[in-house]
Amino acid sequence: MKKALMKSALLSAALALGGVPGAMAEDAVTVTNMSYRTGPFAATGTPIMNGQRDYMIMLNERDGGVNGVKINYNECETGYNTEKGAECYEKTKASSIVTQPWSTGITLQVLPKSNVDKVPILAPGYGFSPMADGRVFQWAFNPPASYWDGASMILKNISEGNLDSLKGKKIVLLHLDAPYGKEPIPLLQAYADKYGFTLLPIPVGVKEMQNQSAQWLQIRRERPDFVLMWGWGAMNAGALTEAAKTKFPMDKFVGIWWSGSDADLKALGEAGKGYRSLSWSFPESGSQTMQDIKKYVLDAGKSMLDPSEFDYVFYQRGVVISMIVVEGIRAAQEHFDTKVINAEQLRWGLENLKLDEARLAEIGMSGMVGPFSTSCANHAGHAGAWMLQWDGAKFTKVSELLSADQEMIQPLVEVEAKKYADANAPWPINEECKM
C-alpha cells in the first residue's frame, strides 16, 4: 500500500511539474487536464494525455512557452469517474484557464456551472453535441468536430456517398452504456427515418466491456449490414476480439474516432485487417511539430511515453488537442494585447480560432487535422475527418477528407440546444450572435 501511494505521489508530482521546467516562471498560465491514467479506460486515455503533456513541454523547452508565457500543465486524475471529475473541477476551476473534462458524463456535470464560473469547457471531438451552438453554450467548445459530425461522416462513407443506398439495410450501433455511447443515437435515428434503414442500438455496460458474448450473439442473430462502434477503453478491445472470434466481416465494422486505438488493433494483428475508424486527426511523425517533440521531450527523457507509441493515432491526437488550447491562448493574447490571459479571455480565443492550411503549415502540423475555424455561433468548427483502415499492422488513410451534412445536423442541434436551455432556465443566450 505504501509503495502504491508513493508511486501515485511521484506520478502526480511528475505531471504537475511536466509543463514548466525548473522553478515556476513569473509569467505563466495554468492548463489542467482531467486525466484518466487509471481505471478501465486507462489504456486509451493514457496515450492521449501523454500527447497533450508532451506538446506543452515542447513549447516550454523550445519557445519558452507561448509568446514568453510558460504553460503550467497539470493533471487531475478522475479514472473517467463522473463524481471524481466533478471534484477535480471544483478543485481546479480557480487556477486553470480551461476545463478539459475528458468524459461526456463529466462534461454534462460541469456544463451548468460554466455560465456562473466563467471558465471555458474544451471537449475536443466529444461531449454534448449541441454544444456546437455557441449562442446557447457560450462557454463550451467541442472542436474540431462533434459526435453528430462523426455519425454523419460515417454514414456518408459506408454508403459511398449515396445515403439512399442504405434503404432496407440494418445498422447496429454497439455503444458504451454511458452518455458518450448514447450521443449519436438521436442523429442516427433521424437518418434512419429519412433514408429507410433500421437502427439497432446495442448497449455495453461498463462491467460487460471485456465479456461481450451476449452482445455479439445478438449481432450474429440480427445479421446486420454494418456495425458502428461508439466504444472506449476496454470495450473496444473486447468488441474487436469478439468480432474476430465470430468472424464478423471486419470491413463492415466501423468505429468513431475514440474506437481506433493502434494498441487494440496490434493485439489482433492480421485478424483485425479491414476494420475502419473515422478520425479527425492523422499521425504525421515527420512533421516539424512531432520532430521537435522527439528532440525536446522524448530524446531529453522528459516524456512518459513508451517510444514505440510515438507513431500512434491517439498519442498524436493528444498533441493536436493541446495545439488547439495553445492557439486559443495565442488568439486571446493578440486580441487583448496581454501576455498572461485569464479564463474569460481564453473563451474569446477559443471562439475565434482560425486554423486554415496556412496556419497549420506555419506551426508544423500540416495534415495532422483538417482545417477549421470557430465563431460565436459555431463552437465545433465542423472540421472534416478521414476514414482510417487497419491493414494488419497499422492504420492507413483510405478516404479523402470527409465532411458532415450540416443541413441534417443543424436543425437537431438547435432543437436540442433550446431544449437544454429551457430545462435549465434561466439560461443566458447570446442574442447578438448571428448564424
Protein backbone atom coordinates (compact mmCIF):
# COMPACT_ATOMS: atom_id res chain seq x y z
CA MET A 1 0.00 0.00 0.00
CA LYS A 2 2.82 2.42 0.93
CA LYS A 3 4.59 1.68 -2.38
CA ALA A 4 1.38 2.33 -4.32
CA LEU A 5 0.82 5.63 -2.52
CA MET A 6 4.42 6.67 -3.12
CA LYS A 7 4.15 5.77 -6.82
CA SER A 8 0.92 7.79 -7.12
CA ALA A 9 2.51 10.76 -5.37
CA LEU A 10 5.56 10.66 -7.64
CA LEU A 11 3.36 10.42 -10.73
CA SER A 12 1.28 13.39 -9.60
CA ALA A 13 4.44 15.41 -9.00
CA ALA A 14 5.83 14.49 -12.40
CA LEU A 15 2.60 15.51 -14.11
CA ALA A 16 2.29 18.78 -12.24
CA LEU A 17 5.86 19.79 -12.99
CA GLY A 18 5.80 18.47 -16.54
CA GLY A 19 4.72 21.73 -18.11
CA VAL A 20 7.23 24.13 -16.54
CA PRO A 21 10.87 23.03 -16.20
CA GLY A 22 12.67 24.32 -13.15
CA ALA A 23 11.15 26.94 -10.92
CA MET A 24 7.73 28.35 -11.74
CA ALA A 25 8.04 31.26 -14.15
CA GLU A 26 6.51 34.59 -13.19
CA ASP A 27 4.63 34.82 -16.48
CA ALA A 28 2.67 31.57 -16.66
CA VAL A 29 -0.80 30.24 -17.33
CA THR A 30 -2.17 27.06 -15.83
CA VAL A 31 -3.84 24.44 -18.01
CA THR A 32 -5.33 21.47 -16.16
CA ASN A 33 -6.45 18.22 -17.76
CA MET A 34 -8.94 15.86 -16.10
CA SER A 35 -6.94 12.75 -16.92
CA TYR A 36 -7.63 9.07 -16.51
CA ARG A 37 -4.41 7.13 -16.36
CA THR A 38 -6.11 4.64 -14.06
CA GLY A 39 -9.26 2.53 -14.29
CA PRO A 40 -10.92 0.60 -17.13
CA PHE A 41 -10.31 3.36 -19.69
CA ALA A 42 -6.64 3.97 -18.90
CA ALA A 43 -5.29 2.11 -21.95
CA THR A 44 -6.89 4.60 -24.31
CA GLY A 45 -6.73 7.66 -22.07
CA THR A 46 -3.03 7.48 -21.24
CA PRO A 47 -1.55 7.95 -24.74
CA ILE A 48 -3.78 10.97 -25.35
CA MET A 49 -2.74 12.53 -22.04
CA ASN A 50 0.89 11.86 -22.94
CA GLY A 51 0.45 13.69 -26.23
CA GLN A 52 -1.21 16.67 -24.58
CA ARG A 53 1.51 16.88 -21.96
CA ASP A 54 4.41 16.49 -24.40
CA TYR A 55 3.22 19.29 -26.69
CA MET A 56 3.12 21.71 -23.76
CA ILE A 57 6.58 20.64 -22.57
CA MET A 58 7.97 21.04 -26.09
CA LEU A 59 6.68 24.61 -26.35
CA ASN A 60 8.15 25.48 -22.96
CA GLU A 61 11.52 23.96 -23.88
CA ARG A 62 11.71 25.23 -27.46
CA ASP A 63 9.98 28.61 -27.26
CA GLY A 64 9.82 29.45 -23.58
CA GLY A 65 6.06 28.87 -23.73
CA VAL A 66 3.57 30.94 -25.73
CA ASN A 67 4.87 34.41 -26.55
CA GLY A 68 7.11 34.26 -23.49
CA VAL A 69 4.43 32.87 -21.16
CA LYS A 70 5.15 29.45 -19.70
CA ILE A 71 2.44 26.81 -19.65
CA ASN A 72 1.93 25.21 -16.27
CA TYR A 73 0.36 21.91 -17.34
CA ASN A 74 -1.34 19.83 -14.63
CA GLU A 75 -3.49 16.74 -14.47
CA CYS A 76 -6.25 15.86 -12.03
CA GLU A 77 -6.93 12.12 -12.11
CA THR A 78 -10.58 11.09 -12.46
CA GLY A 79 -10.37 7.46 -13.58
CA TYR A 80 -13.17 8.51 -16.00
CA ASN A 81 -15.46 8.71 -12.97
CA THR A 82 -18.07 11.49 -13.12
CA GLU A 83 -18.08 12.12 -9.36
CA LYS A 84 -14.28 12.41 -9.26
CA GLY A 85 -14.43 14.64 -12.32
CA ALA A 86 -16.80 17.00 -10.54
CA GLU A 87 -14.39 17.09 -7.59
CA CYS A 88 -11.49 17.86 -9.92
CA TYR A 89 -13.47 20.67 -11.48
CA GLU A 90 -14.16 22.31 -8.13
CA LYS A 91 -10.55 21.86 -7.12
CA THR A 92 -9.04 23.39 -10.27
CA LYS A 93 -11.55 25.94 -11.63
CA ALA A 94 -9.94 28.83 -9.76
CA SER A 95 -6.45 28.18 -11.15
CA SER A 96 -6.90 26.68 -14.63
CA ILE A 97 -7.86 28.91 -17.55
CA VAL A 98 -9.70 25.98 -19.17
CA THR A 99 -11.70 22.92 -18.10
CA GLN A 100 -10.93 19.75 -20.06
CA PRO A 101 -13.41 17.18 -18.69
CA TRP A 102 -12.37 14.20 -20.83
CA SER A 103 -15.72 12.46 -20.42
CA THR A 104 -19.17 13.22 -21.78
CA GLY A 105 -20.58 12.42 -18.33
CA ILE A 106 -18.22 14.89 -16.63
CA THR A 107 -18.91 17.47 -19.34
CA LEU A 108 -22.66 17.25 -18.68
CA GLN A 109 -21.99 17.51 -14.94
CA VAL A 110 -20.00 20.75 -15.17
CA LEU A 111 -21.84 22.33 -18.13
CA PRO A 112 -24.49 24.06 -15.97
CA LYS A 113 -21.72 25.72 -13.94
CA SER A 114 -20.00 27.25 -16.97
CA ASN A 115 -22.09 30.43 -17.16
CA VAL A 116 -21.51 31.08 -13.45
CA ASP A 117 -17.84 30.18 -13.06
CA LYS A 118 -16.86 31.63 -16.46
CA VAL A 119 -14.22 29.02 -17.23
CA PRO A 120 -14.40 27.67 -20.81
CA ILE A 121 -15.02 23.96 -21.28
CA LEU A 122 -12.95 22.41 -24.06
CA ALA A 123 -14.10 18.96 -25.16
CA PRO A 124 -12.33 18.24 -28.48
CA GLY A 125 -14.39 15.79 -30.50
CA TYR A 126 -16.52 14.69 -27.55
CA GLY A 127 -19.11 15.92 -25.06
CA PHE A 128 -22.68 17.04 -25.73
CA SER A 129 -23.07 17.54 -29.49
CA PRO A 130 -25.43 20.57 -29.22
CA MET A 131 -22.54 22.46 -27.56
CA ALA A 132 -21.69 23.32 -31.16
CA ASP A 133 -24.32 26.09 -30.83
CA GLY A 134 -22.24 28.87 -29.33
CA ARG A 135 -25.25 31.14 -28.97
CA VAL A 136 -26.64 28.81 -26.31
CA PHE A 137 -23.43 27.28 -24.95
CA GLN A 138 -21.26 30.38 -24.73
CA TRP A 139 -18.64 28.73 -22.51
CA ALA A 140 -18.46 25.25 -24.08
CA PHE A 141 -16.47 24.15 -27.12
CA ASN A 142 -16.18 20.80 -28.93
CA PRO A 143 -13.91 21.39 -31.93
CA PRO A 144 -12.73 20.21 -34.34
CA ALA A 145 -15.89 18.11 -34.87
CA SER A 146 -18.85 16.86 -32.84
CA TYR A 147 -20.16 13.32 -32.45
CA TRP A 148 -23.02 14.20 -34.78
CA ASP A 149 -20.49 15.35 -37.37
CA GLY A 150 -18.80 11.97 -36.94
CA ALA A 151 -22.03 9.99 -37.30
CA SER A 152 -22.88 11.87 -40.49
CA MET A 153 -19.44 11.26 -41.99
CA ILE A 154 -19.52 7.55 -41.16
CA LEU A 155 -22.89 7.12 -42.89
CA LYS A 156 -21.64 9.07 -45.88
CA ASN A 157 -18.59 6.82 -46.12
CA ILE A 158 -20.26 3.42 -45.70
CA SER A 159 -22.92 4.40 -48.25
CA GLU A 160 -20.21 5.57 -50.66
CA GLY A 161 -21.84 8.97 -50.76
CA ASN A 162 -25.31 7.66 -51.63
CA LEU A 163 -27.39 7.54 -48.46
CA ASP A 164 -30.38 6.26 -50.43
CA SER A 165 -28.43 3.02 -50.86
CA LEU A 166 -28.90 2.34 -47.13
CA LYS A 167 -32.65 1.82 -47.60
CA GLY A 168 -33.74 -1.55 -46.22
CA LYS A 169 -30.40 -2.19 -44.52
CA LYS A 170 -29.83 -2.87 -40.82
CA ILE A 171 -27.20 -0.97 -38.88
CA VAL A 172 -26.21 -1.91 -35.34
CA LEU A 173 -24.84 0.74 -33.02
CA LEU A 174 -22.67 -1.07 -30.47
CA HIS A 175 -22.18 1.55 -27.80
CA LEU A 176 -20.92 2.09 -24.28
CA ASP A 177 -23.92 2.31 -21.97
CA ALA A 178 -22.99 5.81 -20.84
CA PRO A 179 -23.74 9.38 -22.02
CA TYR A 180 -20.84 9.16 -24.51
CA GLY A 181 -22.16 5.99 -26.13
CA LYS A 182 -25.70 7.35 -26.42
CA GLU A 183 -24.62 10.62 -28.07
CA PRO A 184 -25.05 9.57 -31.75
CA ILE A 185 -28.48 7.92 -31.32
CA PRO A 186 -30.71 10.99 -31.99
CA LEU A 187 -28.96 11.84 -35.27
CA LEU A 188 -28.59 8.23 -36.43
CA GLN A 189 -32.31 7.69 -35.79
CA ALA A 190 -33.13 10.82 -37.79
CA TYR A 191 -31.08 9.43 -40.67
CA ALA A 192 -32.77 6.03 -40.32
CA ASP A 193 -36.22 7.64 -40.50
CA LYS A 194 -35.28 9.70 -43.55
CA TYR A 195 -33.39 7.06 -45.55
CA GLY A 196 -35.32 3.95 -44.56
CA PHE A 197 -32.76 1.82 -42.76
CA THR A 198 -33.14 0.11 -39.41
CA LEU A 199 -31.03 1.34 -36.48
CA LEU A 200 -30.49 -1.15 -33.67
CA PRO A 201 -28.63 0.24 -30.63
CA ILE A 202 -26.92 -2.47 -28.55
CA PRO A 203 -25.51 -1.16 -25.25
CA VAL A 204 -22.43 -2.50 -23.49
CA GLY A 205 -22.29 -1.91 -19.74
CA VAL A 206 -19.02 -0.94 -18.09
CA LYS A 207 -18.96 -4.30 -16.29
CA GLU A 208 -19.51 -6.15 -19.59
CA MET A 209 -16.76 -4.45 -21.57
CA GLN A 210 -14.38 -7.41 -21.52
CA ASN A 211 -17.07 -10.03 -22.00
CA GLN A 212 -19.44 -9.06 -24.79
CA SER A 213 -20.55 -12.57 -25.74
CA ALA A 214 -24.24 -11.68 -25.24
CA GLN A 215 -24.00 -8.62 -27.46
CA TRP A 216 -22.20 -10.47 -30.24
CA LEU A 217 -24.65 -13.36 -30.02
CA GLN A 218 -27.37 -10.79 -30.71
CA ILE A 219 -25.34 -9.35 -33.59
CA ARG A 220 -24.97 -12.82 -35.13
CA ARG A 221 -28.74 -13.32 -34.86
CA GLU A 222 -29.56 -9.91 -36.35
CA ARG A 223 -27.08 -10.27 -39.26
CA PRO A 224 -26.62 -6.50 -39.70
CA ASP A 225 -25.15 -4.93 -42.82
CA PHE A 226 -22.87 -2.76 -40.66
CA VAL A 227 -21.83 -2.48 -37.03
CA LEU A 228 -20.91 1.02 -35.86
CA MET A 229 -18.99 1.29 -32.60
CA TRP A 230 -19.06 4.08 -30.02
CA GLY A 231 -16.67 2.38 -27.61
CA TRP A 232 -13.90 3.43 -25.27
CA GLY A 233 -11.22 1.77 -23.18
CA ALA A 234 -11.54 -1.96 -22.66
CA MET A 235 -14.82 -2.02 -24.59
CA ASN A 236 -13.02 -1.50 -27.89
CA ALA A 237 -10.58 -4.35 -27.38
CA GLY A 238 -13.40 -6.63 -26.19
CA ALA A 239 -15.56 -5.84 -29.24
CA LEU A 240 -12.72 -6.33 -31.71
CA THR A 241 -11.82 -9.66 -30.13
CA GLU A 242 -15.44 -10.86 -30.30
CA ALA A 243 -15.81 -9.67 -33.90
CA ALA A 244 -12.74 -11.65 -34.93
CA LYS A 245 -13.86 -14.69 -32.94
CA THR A 246 -17.31 -14.70 -34.56
CA LYS A 247 -15.80 -13.97 -37.99
CA PHE A 248 -17.83 -10.81 -38.49
CA PRO A 249 -16.60 -9.08 -41.69
CA MET A 250 -14.14 -6.50 -40.40
CA ASP A 251 -14.73 -4.17 -43.34
CA LYS A 252 -18.34 -3.86 -42.16
CA PHE A 253 -17.22 -2.88 -38.65
CA VAL A 254 -16.65 0.89 -38.28
CA GLY A 255 -15.76 2.90 -35.18
CA ILE A 256 -15.92 6.56 -34.20
CA TRP A 257 -12.58 8.30 -33.58
CA TRP A 258 -12.33 7.04 -29.98
CA SER A 259 -12.58 3.45 -31.24
CA GLY A 260 -9.42 3.48 -33.33
CA SER A 261 -6.53 2.70 -31.00
CA ASP A 262 -3.36 1.24 -32.51
CA ALA A 263 -2.74 -0.78 -29.35
CA ASP A 264 -6.11 -2.55 -29.60
CA LEU A 265 -5.57 -3.48 -33.23
CA LYS A 266 -1.95 -4.51 -32.77
CA ALA A 267 -3.16 -7.10 -30.28
CA LEU A 268 -5.31 -8.57 -33.07
CA GLY A 269 -2.82 -8.13 -35.89
CA GLU A 270 -4.00 -9.73 -39.14
CA ALA A 271 -7.30 -10.76 -37.54
CA GLY A 272 -8.26 -7.09 -37.36
CA LYS A 273 -7.46 -6.37 -41.00
CA GLY A 274 -10.19 -4.34 -42.68
CA TYR A 275 -11.57 -2.67 -39.53
CA ARG A 276 -12.20 1.04 -40.06
CA SER A 277 -12.23 4.03 -37.74
CA LEU A 278 -13.16 7.61 -38.53
CA SER A 279 -10.52 10.08 -37.34
CA TRP A 280 -10.31 13.87 -37.28
CA SER A 281 -6.59 13.57 -36.67
CA PHE A 282 -3.83 11.73 -38.50
CA PRO A 283 -0.31 10.89 -37.28
CA GLU A 284 2.42 12.69 -39.22
CA SER A 285 5.60 11.70 -37.41
CA GLY A 286 7.80 13.57 -39.89
CA SER A 287 6.06 16.90 -39.24
CA GLN A 288 8.06 19.70 -37.68
CA THR A 289 6.00 19.62 -34.50
CA MET A 290 6.46 15.89 -33.98
CA GLN A 291 10.17 16.07 -34.71
CA ASP A 292 10.52 18.90 -32.20
CA ILE A 293 8.63 16.85 -29.60
CA LYS A 294 11.04 13.99 -30.26
CA LYS A 295 14.04 16.30 -29.88
CA TYR A 296 12.99 18.40 -26.89
CA VAL A 297 10.86 15.91 -24.96
CA LEU A 298 11.37 12.25 -25.84
CA ASP A 299 15.11 12.33 -26.52
CA ALA A 300 15.57 14.57 -23.48
CA GLY A 301 13.91 11.97 -21.25
CA LYS A 302 11.02 14.27 -20.29
CA SER A 303 8.17 12.18 -21.73
CA MET A 304 6.10 9.46 -20.05
CA LEU A 305 5.50 7.82 -23.44
CA ASP A 306 6.73 4.39 -24.48
CA PRO A 307 8.78 5.38 -27.58
CA SER A 308 7.17 2.56 -29.56
CA GLU A 309 3.88 4.52 -29.39
CA PHE A 310 5.26 7.70 -30.97
CA ASP A 311 3.51 6.98 -34.29
CA TYR A 312 0.17 6.06 -32.71
CA VAL A 313 -3.04 7.86 -33.66
CA PHE A 314 -4.08 8.57 -30.07
CA TYR A 315 -0.72 9.97 -28.95
CA GLN A 316 -0.55 12.41 -31.83
CA ARG A 317 -4.23 13.29 -31.36
CA GLY A 318 -3.30 14.44 -27.85
CA VAL A 319 -0.69 16.71 -29.45
CA VAL A 320 -3.37 18.20 -31.73
CA ILE A 321 -5.66 18.82 -28.75
CA SER A 322 -3.04 20.77 -26.83
CA MET A 323 -2.33 22.73 -30.01
CA ILE A 324 -6.00 23.82 -30.04
CA VAL A 325 -5.62 25.09 -26.46
CA VAL A 326 -2.44 26.95 -27.34
CA GLU A 327 -3.90 28.53 -30.48
CA GLY A 328 -6.77 29.79 -28.32
CA ILE A 329 -4.21 31.30 -25.94
CA ARG A 330 -2.35 32.96 -28.83
CA ALA A 331 -5.54 34.44 -30.28
CA ALA A 332 -6.52 35.85 -26.89
CA GLN A 333 -3.06 37.29 -26.24
CA GLU A 334 -3.17 39.16 -29.53
CA HIS A 335 -6.75 40.37 -29.22
CA PHE A 336 -6.47 41.61 -25.63
CA ASP A 337 -2.85 42.76 -26.03
CA THR A 338 -1.76 40.92 -22.93
CA LYS A 339 0.62 38.05 -22.25
CA VAL A 340 -0.92 36.34 -19.22
CA ILE A 341 -4.54 35.80 -20.22
CA ASN A 342 -7.38 34.73 -17.94
CA ALA A 343 -10.18 32.22 -18.47
CA GLU A 344 -12.64 34.76 -19.87
CA GLN A 345 -10.09 35.92 -22.42
CA LEU A 346 -9.36 32.33 -23.44
CA ARG A 347 -13.09 31.89 -24.08
CA TRP A 348 -12.79 34.60 -26.74
CA GLY A 349 -9.69 32.92 -28.16
CA LEU A 350 -11.41 29.54 -28.49
CA GLU A 351 -14.32 31.28 -30.19
CA ASN A 352 -12.01 32.86 -32.75
CA LEU A 353 -9.77 30.00 -33.85
CA LYS A 354 -8.60 30.18 -37.46
CA LEU A 355 -6.71 27.01 -38.24
CA ASP A 356 -6.54 27.12 -42.01
CA GLU A 357 -3.97 25.22 -44.05
CA ALA A 358 -1.55 28.15 -43.95
CA ARG A 359 -1.65 28.31 -40.15
CA LEU A 360 -1.27 24.54 -39.77
CA ALA A 361 1.79 24.69 -42.02
CA GLU A 362 3.20 27.62 -40.02
CA ILE A 363 3.06 25.68 -36.75
CA GLY A 364 4.38 22.49 -38.37
CA MET A 365 1.20 20.41 -38.24
CA SER A 366 0.09 20.11 -41.86
CA GLY A 367 -2.08 17.05 -42.43
CA MET A 368 -2.49 16.29 -38.73
CA VAL A 369 -6.01 17.76 -38.54
CA GLY A 370 -8.42 19.15 -41.11
CA PRO A 371 -8.60 22.95 -41.40
CA PHE A 372 -11.34 24.60 -39.34
CA SER A 373 -12.38 27.82 -37.67
CA THR A 374 -14.79 28.75 -34.88
CA SER A 375 -17.11 31.69 -34.31
CA CYS A 376 -19.65 32.94 -31.77
CA ALA A 377 -22.28 30.65 -33.34
CA ASN A 378 -20.02 27.74 -34.28
CA HIS A 379 -18.18 26.23 -31.32
CA ALA A 380 -17.45 22.89 -33.02
CA GLY A 381 -15.58 24.04 -36.11
CA HIS A 382 -17.11 21.12 -38.06
CA ALA A 383 -13.75 20.05 -39.45
CA GLY A 384 -13.58 17.08 -41.76
CA ALA A 385 -12.26 13.65 -40.84
CA TRP A 386 -10.57 10.76 -42.61
CA MET A 387 -11.58 7.13 -42.66
CA LEU A 388 -8.67 5.02 -41.46
CA GLN A 389 -8.37 1.26 -42.01
CA TRP A 390 -6.27 -1.32 -40.25
CA ASP A 391 -4.02 -3.14 -42.74
CA GLY A 392 -2.90 -5.81 -40.29
CA ALA A 393 0.00 -3.76 -38.92
CA LYS A 394 -1.05 -0.10 -38.88
CA PHE A 395 -3.83 2.35 -39.69
CA THR A 396 -3.80 3.77 -43.22
CA LYS A 397 -5.84 6.61 -44.68
CA VAL A 398 -8.48 5.24 -47.09
CA SER A 399 -10.57 8.31 -47.83
CA GLU A 400 -10.27 11.94 -48.72
CA LEU A 401 -11.21 14.43 -46.02
CA LEU A 402 -14.91 13.74 -45.38
CA SER A 403 -17.42 16.41 -44.40
CA ALA A 404 -20.63 16.22 -42.38
CA ASP A 405 -24.08 17.15 -43.63
CA GLN A 406 -24.86 20.32 -41.67
CA GLU A 407 -28.30 20.61 -43.28
CA MET A 408 -29.17 17.38 -41.47
CA ILE A 409 -27.34 18.21 -38.24
CA GLN A 410 -28.02 21.89 -37.59
CA PRO A 411 -31.80 21.68 -37.09
CA LEU A 412 -31.28 18.94 -34.49
CA VAL A 413 -28.56 20.99 -32.78
CA GLU A 414 -30.91 23.96 -32.49
CA VAL A 415 -33.79 21.86 -31.16
CA GLU A 416 -31.67 20.06 -28.54
CA ALA A 417 -29.81 23.23 -27.51
CA LYS A 418 -33.12 25.02 -26.92
CA LYS A 419 -34.45 22.01 -25.01
CA TYR A 420 -31.37 22.10 -22.75
CA ALA A 421 -31.67 25.86 -22.18
CA ASP A 422 -35.37 25.57 -21.37
CA ALA A 423 -34.73 22.71 -18.93
CA ASN A 424 -32.06 24.75 -17.17
CA ALA A 425 -33.82 28.13 -17.23
CA PRO A 426 -32.88 30.83 -16.65
CA TRP A 427 -30.13 30.11 -19.21
CA PRO A 428 -28.37 33.05 -20.91
CA ILE A 429 -28.48 33.18 -24.71
CA ASN A 430 -26.16 35.33 -26.83
CA GLU A 431 -28.85 37.10 -28.83
CA GLU A 432 -26.28 39.30 -30.61
CA CYS A 433 -24.64 36.27 -32.19
CA LYS A 434 -25.98 35.50 -35.67
CA MET A 435 -25.61 32.28 -37.63
